[in-house]
Structures are given as C-alpha cells and as structure tokens.
N, C-alpha and C. Protein backbone atom coordinates (compact mmCIF):
# COMPACT_ATOMS: atom_id res chain seq x y z
N UNK A 1 31.20 -3.46 -9.18
CA UNK A 1 31.30 -4.09 -7.88
C UNK A 1 32.04 -3.14 -6.93
N UNK A 2 31.44 -2.83 -5.81
CA UNK A 2 32.09 -1.90 -4.89
C UNK A 2 33.31 -2.54 -4.21
N UNK A 3 34.27 -1.68 -3.89
CA UNK A 3 35.49 -2.16 -3.24
C UNK A 3 35.47 -1.92 -1.75
N UNK A 4 34.91 -0.79 -1.35
CA UNK A 4 34.92 -0.44 0.06
C UNK A 4 33.92 -1.26 0.85
N UNK A 5 34.28 -1.55 2.06
CA UNK A 5 33.38 -2.38 2.89
C UNK A 5 32.09 -1.64 3.20
N UNK A 6 32.16 -0.31 3.34
CA UNK A 6 30.94 0.46 3.61
C UNK A 6 29.99 0.41 2.42
N UNK A 7 30.55 0.43 1.21
CA UNK A 7 29.72 0.35 0.00
C UNK A 7 29.07 -1.02 -0.11
N UNK A 8 29.80 -2.04 0.27
CA UNK A 8 29.25 -3.40 0.24
C UNK A 8 28.09 -3.51 1.22
N UNK A 9 28.27 -2.96 2.42
CA UNK A 9 27.19 -2.99 3.42
C UNK A 9 25.99 -2.17 2.96
N UNK A 10 26.27 -1.02 2.34
CA UNK A 10 25.19 -0.17 1.84
C UNK A 10 24.37 -0.91 0.79
N UNK A 11 25.05 -1.60 -0.11
CA UNK A 11 24.35 -2.37 -1.14
C UNK A 11 23.49 -3.46 -0.52
N UNK A 12 24.03 -4.12 0.50
CA UNK A 12 23.29 -5.19 1.16
C UNK A 12 22.02 -4.64 1.81
N UNK A 13 22.14 -3.53 2.52
CA UNK A 13 20.97 -2.97 3.20
C UNK A 13 19.99 -2.38 2.20
N UNK A 14 20.49 -1.83 1.08
CA UNK A 14 19.60 -1.29 0.06
C UNK A 14 18.76 -2.40 -0.56
N UNK A 15 19.38 -3.56 -0.74
CA UNK A 15 18.64 -4.71 -1.30
C UNK A 15 17.53 -5.14 -0.34
N UNK A 16 17.84 -5.17 0.96
CA UNK A 16 16.84 -5.53 1.96
C UNK A 16 15.69 -4.53 1.96
N UNK A 17 16.02 -3.24 1.90
CA UNK A 17 15.00 -2.20 1.88
C UNK A 17 14.13 -2.31 0.64
N UNK A 18 14.77 -2.56 -0.50
CA UNK A 18 14.03 -2.68 -1.75
C UNK A 18 13.04 -3.83 -1.70
N UNK A 19 13.47 -4.96 -1.17
CA UNK A 19 12.59 -6.12 -1.06
C UNK A 19 11.44 -5.86 -0.09
N UNK A 20 11.74 -5.18 1.03
CA UNK A 20 10.70 -4.84 1.99
C UNK A 20 9.66 -3.90 1.36
N UNK A 21 10.16 -2.89 0.65
CA UNK A 21 9.26 -1.93 0.00
C UNK A 21 8.40 -2.62 -1.05
N UNK A 22 9.01 -3.53 -1.80
CA UNK A 22 8.27 -4.26 -2.83
C UNK A 22 7.17 -5.11 -2.20
N UNK A 23 7.49 -5.78 -1.09
CA UNK A 23 6.50 -6.61 -0.40
C UNK A 23 5.33 -5.76 0.08
N UNK A 24 5.63 -4.61 0.64
CA UNK A 24 4.58 -3.74 1.16
C UNK A 24 3.70 -3.22 0.02
N UNK A 25 4.33 -2.78 -1.08
CA UNK A 25 3.58 -2.26 -2.22
C UNK A 25 2.68 -3.34 -2.82
N UNK A 26 3.20 -4.56 -2.92
CA UNK A 26 2.40 -5.65 -3.48
C UNK A 26 1.20 -5.96 -2.60
N UNK A 27 1.39 -5.90 -1.27
CA UNK A 27 0.28 -6.13 -0.36
C UNK A 27 -0.79 -5.08 -0.51
N UNK A 28 -0.38 -3.83 -0.66
CA UNK A 28 -1.35 -2.74 -0.84
C UNK A 28 -2.10 -2.93 -2.15
N UNK A 29 -1.36 -3.23 -3.21
CA UNK A 29 -2.01 -3.40 -4.52
C UNK A 29 -3.01 -4.56 -4.51
N UNK A 30 -2.63 -5.64 -3.82
CA UNK A 30 -3.50 -6.81 -3.78
C UNK A 30 -4.82 -6.49 -3.06
N UNK A 31 -4.73 -5.78 -1.93
CA UNK A 31 -5.95 -5.44 -1.21
C UNK A 31 -6.77 -4.40 -1.96
N UNK A 32 -6.10 -3.49 -2.67
CA UNK A 32 -6.84 -2.52 -3.48
C UNK A 32 -7.62 -3.22 -4.59
N UNK A 33 -7.00 -4.21 -5.23
CA UNK A 33 -7.70 -4.97 -6.27
C UNK A 33 -8.91 -5.69 -5.70
N UNK A 34 -8.72 -6.26 -4.49
CA UNK A 34 -9.82 -6.96 -3.83
C UNK A 34 -10.97 -6.00 -3.54
N UNK A 35 -10.61 -4.79 -3.06
CA UNK A 35 -11.61 -3.77 -2.74
C UNK A 35 -12.38 -3.36 -3.99
N UNK A 36 -11.66 -3.09 -5.08
CA UNK A 36 -12.32 -2.68 -6.32
C UNK A 36 -13.22 -3.79 -6.87
N UNK A 37 -12.80 -5.04 -6.71
CA UNK A 37 -13.62 -6.16 -7.16
C UNK A 37 -14.91 -6.25 -6.34
N UNK A 38 -14.82 -6.00 -5.03
CA UNK A 38 -16.01 -6.03 -4.19
C UNK A 38 -16.97 -4.90 -4.57
N UNK A 39 -16.43 -3.73 -4.87
CA UNK A 39 -17.28 -2.61 -5.29
C UNK A 39 -17.97 -2.94 -6.60
N UNK A 40 -17.23 -3.52 -7.54
CA UNK A 40 -17.80 -3.88 -8.84
C UNK A 40 -18.88 -4.94 -8.69
N UNK A 41 -18.71 -5.85 -7.72
CA UNK A 41 -19.68 -6.92 -7.51
C UNK A 41 -20.82 -6.49 -6.58
N UNK A 42 -20.81 -5.22 -6.16
CA UNK A 42 -21.85 -4.65 -5.29
C UNK A 42 -21.91 -5.30 -3.91
N UNK A 43 -20.78 -5.80 -3.43
CA UNK A 43 -20.68 -6.33 -2.07
C UNK A 43 -20.25 -5.19 -1.14
N UNK A 44 -21.20 -4.32 -0.83
CA UNK A 44 -20.88 -3.10 -0.09
C UNK A 44 -20.48 -3.42 1.36
N UNK A 45 -21.15 -4.37 1.98
CA UNK A 45 -20.83 -4.69 3.38
C UNK A 45 -19.40 -5.21 3.53
N UNK A 46 -19.02 -6.12 2.64
CA UNK A 46 -17.67 -6.66 2.70
C UNK A 46 -16.64 -5.58 2.34
N UNK A 47 -17.00 -4.70 1.42
CA UNK A 47 -16.10 -3.62 1.03
C UNK A 47 -15.86 -2.67 2.21
N UNK A 48 -16.90 -2.43 3.00
CA UNK A 48 -16.75 -1.56 4.18
C UNK A 48 -15.78 -2.19 5.19
N UNK A 49 -15.89 -3.51 5.36
CA UNK A 49 -14.99 -4.19 6.28
C UNK A 49 -13.55 -4.13 5.78
N UNK A 50 -13.38 -4.28 4.47
CA UNK A 50 -12.05 -4.29 3.89
C UNK A 50 -11.45 -2.88 3.86
N UNK A 51 -12.28 -1.85 3.86
CA UNK A 51 -11.79 -0.48 3.75
C UNK A 51 -10.88 -0.11 4.91
N UNK A 52 -11.22 -0.53 6.12
CA UNK A 52 -10.36 -0.22 7.26
C UNK A 52 -9.00 -0.91 7.13
N UNK A 53 -9.01 -2.11 6.58
CA UNK A 53 -7.75 -2.84 6.35
C UNK A 53 -6.90 -2.11 5.31
N UNK A 54 -7.54 -1.62 4.25
CA UNK A 54 -6.82 -0.89 3.21
C UNK A 54 -6.23 0.40 3.78
N UNK A 55 -7.03 1.10 4.60
CA UNK A 55 -6.55 2.33 5.23
C UNK A 55 -5.32 2.06 6.09
N UNK A 56 -5.38 0.98 6.84
CA UNK A 56 -4.27 0.60 7.71
C UNK A 56 -3.00 0.33 6.90
N UNK A 57 -3.14 -0.42 5.81
CA UNK A 57 -1.99 -0.74 4.97
C UNK A 57 -1.40 0.52 4.34
N UNK A 58 -2.27 1.42 3.88
CA UNK A 58 -1.79 2.66 3.27
C UNK A 58 -1.05 3.52 4.30
N UNK A 59 -1.61 3.60 5.51
CA UNK A 59 -0.96 4.39 6.56
C UNK A 59 0.40 3.82 6.94
N UNK A 60 0.47 2.49 7.04
CA UNK A 60 1.75 1.85 7.38
C UNK A 60 2.79 2.07 6.28
N UNK A 61 2.34 1.97 5.03
CA UNK A 61 3.27 2.19 3.91
C UNK A 61 3.78 3.63 3.91
N UNK A 62 2.90 4.58 4.22
CA UNK A 62 3.31 5.98 4.27
C UNK A 62 4.25 6.24 5.45
N UNK A 63 3.97 5.59 6.57
CA UNK A 63 4.80 5.78 7.76
C UNK A 63 6.22 5.25 7.53
N UNK A 64 6.33 4.14 6.81
CA UNK A 64 7.64 3.54 6.56
C UNK A 64 8.36 4.20 5.39
N UNK A 65 7.68 5.13 4.70
CA UNK A 65 8.32 5.83 3.60
C UNK A 65 8.27 5.10 2.28
N UNK A 66 7.44 4.07 2.19
CA UNK A 66 7.32 3.33 0.94
C UNK A 66 6.56 4.17 -0.08
N UNK A 67 5.50 4.85 0.36
CA UNK A 67 4.78 5.79 -0.49
C UNK A 67 4.72 7.13 0.24
N UNK A 68 4.46 8.17 -0.50
CA UNK A 68 4.38 9.51 0.10
C UNK A 68 3.09 9.62 0.92
N UNK A 69 3.13 10.31 2.05
CA UNK A 69 1.93 10.45 2.88
C UNK A 69 0.75 11.09 2.14
N UNK A 70 1.04 12.04 1.25
CA UNK A 70 -0.05 12.67 0.49
C UNK A 70 -0.68 11.68 -0.48
N UNK A 71 0.11 10.77 -1.02
CA UNK A 71 -0.42 9.74 -1.91
C UNK A 71 -1.36 8.82 -1.15
N UNK A 72 -0.97 8.45 0.05
CA UNK A 72 -1.83 7.59 0.88
C UNK A 72 -3.13 8.32 1.20
N UNK A 73 -3.03 9.58 1.56
CA UNK A 73 -4.21 10.37 1.89
C UNK A 73 -5.14 10.49 0.69
N UNK A 74 -4.57 10.75 -0.48
CA UNK A 74 -5.38 10.90 -1.70
C UNK A 74 -6.08 9.59 -2.03
N UNK A 75 -5.37 8.48 -1.92
CA UNK A 75 -5.99 7.19 -2.23
C UNK A 75 -7.11 6.87 -1.25
N UNK A 76 -6.89 7.16 0.03
CA UNK A 76 -7.93 6.91 1.03
C UNK A 76 -9.17 7.73 0.73
N UNK A 77 -8.98 8.98 0.33
CA UNK A 77 -10.09 9.86 0.02
C UNK A 77 -10.88 9.32 -1.18
N UNK A 78 -10.16 8.90 -2.20
CA UNK A 78 -10.82 8.40 -3.41
C UNK A 78 -11.56 7.08 -3.15
N UNK A 79 -10.98 6.23 -2.30
CA UNK A 79 -11.65 4.97 -1.98
C UNK A 79 -12.93 5.22 -1.19
N UNK A 80 -12.87 6.16 -0.25
CA UNK A 80 -14.06 6.50 0.52
C UNK A 80 -15.16 7.04 -0.38
N UNK A 81 -14.77 7.90 -1.33
CA UNK A 81 -15.74 8.46 -2.25
C UNK A 81 -16.36 7.38 -3.12
N UNK A 82 -15.53 6.45 -3.57
CA UNK A 82 -16.03 5.36 -4.42
C UNK A 82 -17.02 4.48 -3.65
N UNK A 83 -16.70 4.23 -2.37
CA UNK A 83 -17.60 3.42 -1.55
C UNK A 83 -18.93 4.14 -1.32
N UNK A 84 -18.86 5.44 -1.05
CA UNK A 84 -20.09 6.22 -0.84
C UNK A 84 -20.95 6.25 -2.10
N UNK A 85 -20.34 6.39 -3.26
CA UNK A 85 -21.11 6.41 -4.51
C UNK A 85 -21.75 5.06 -4.78
N UNK A 86 -21.06 3.97 -4.42
CA UNK A 86 -21.58 2.63 -4.68
C UNK A 86 -22.72 2.29 -3.72
N UNK A 87 -22.69 2.86 -2.53
CA UNK A 87 -23.71 2.52 -1.51
C UNK A 87 -25.04 3.22 -1.80
C-alpha cells in the first residue's frame, strides 16, 4: 500500500487507464470476431460495411496508445486481404 499521496493518485489514475484500455481492447476483439464470422458465413456485403467500423476502432485504439500503431496497420492489412480473398 503506497504511503505518499502522489503514489495513491498514480495508482488511482493507473486503474482508470487500465479499465479504459481493457474496454477498448474488448470492443476491438468483439468487432473482429463479428467480422470473421461474417467472412466465414460468406456475408461479404455486411463484412464490407463492418470493415470501416473495424478500421475506425483500430485507429482509435492506436491513437490512444492501447495498441501499437504498427499492430493496427498490420491487422487492417490482413483484414483487407481476407475480405478480398473471400470476395
């Protein structure tokens, strides 16, 4: 248990950041699962609509520092390739 008031505040803000990051990551994972399910079910039109949403979530997560920007870029590239192969 920290004694200094600055350490207590740091712990409090770290907890908030951790929860925010977790929420963002879970949202990205949920939409990625939805996208992969649409590709597997051959719903290409719906997958195309969802792709822009996935791109947006990945970009926001990278901008906020939840994931690395190169990771977001790599995932976007792979999703685009998967959609093109399925179409």
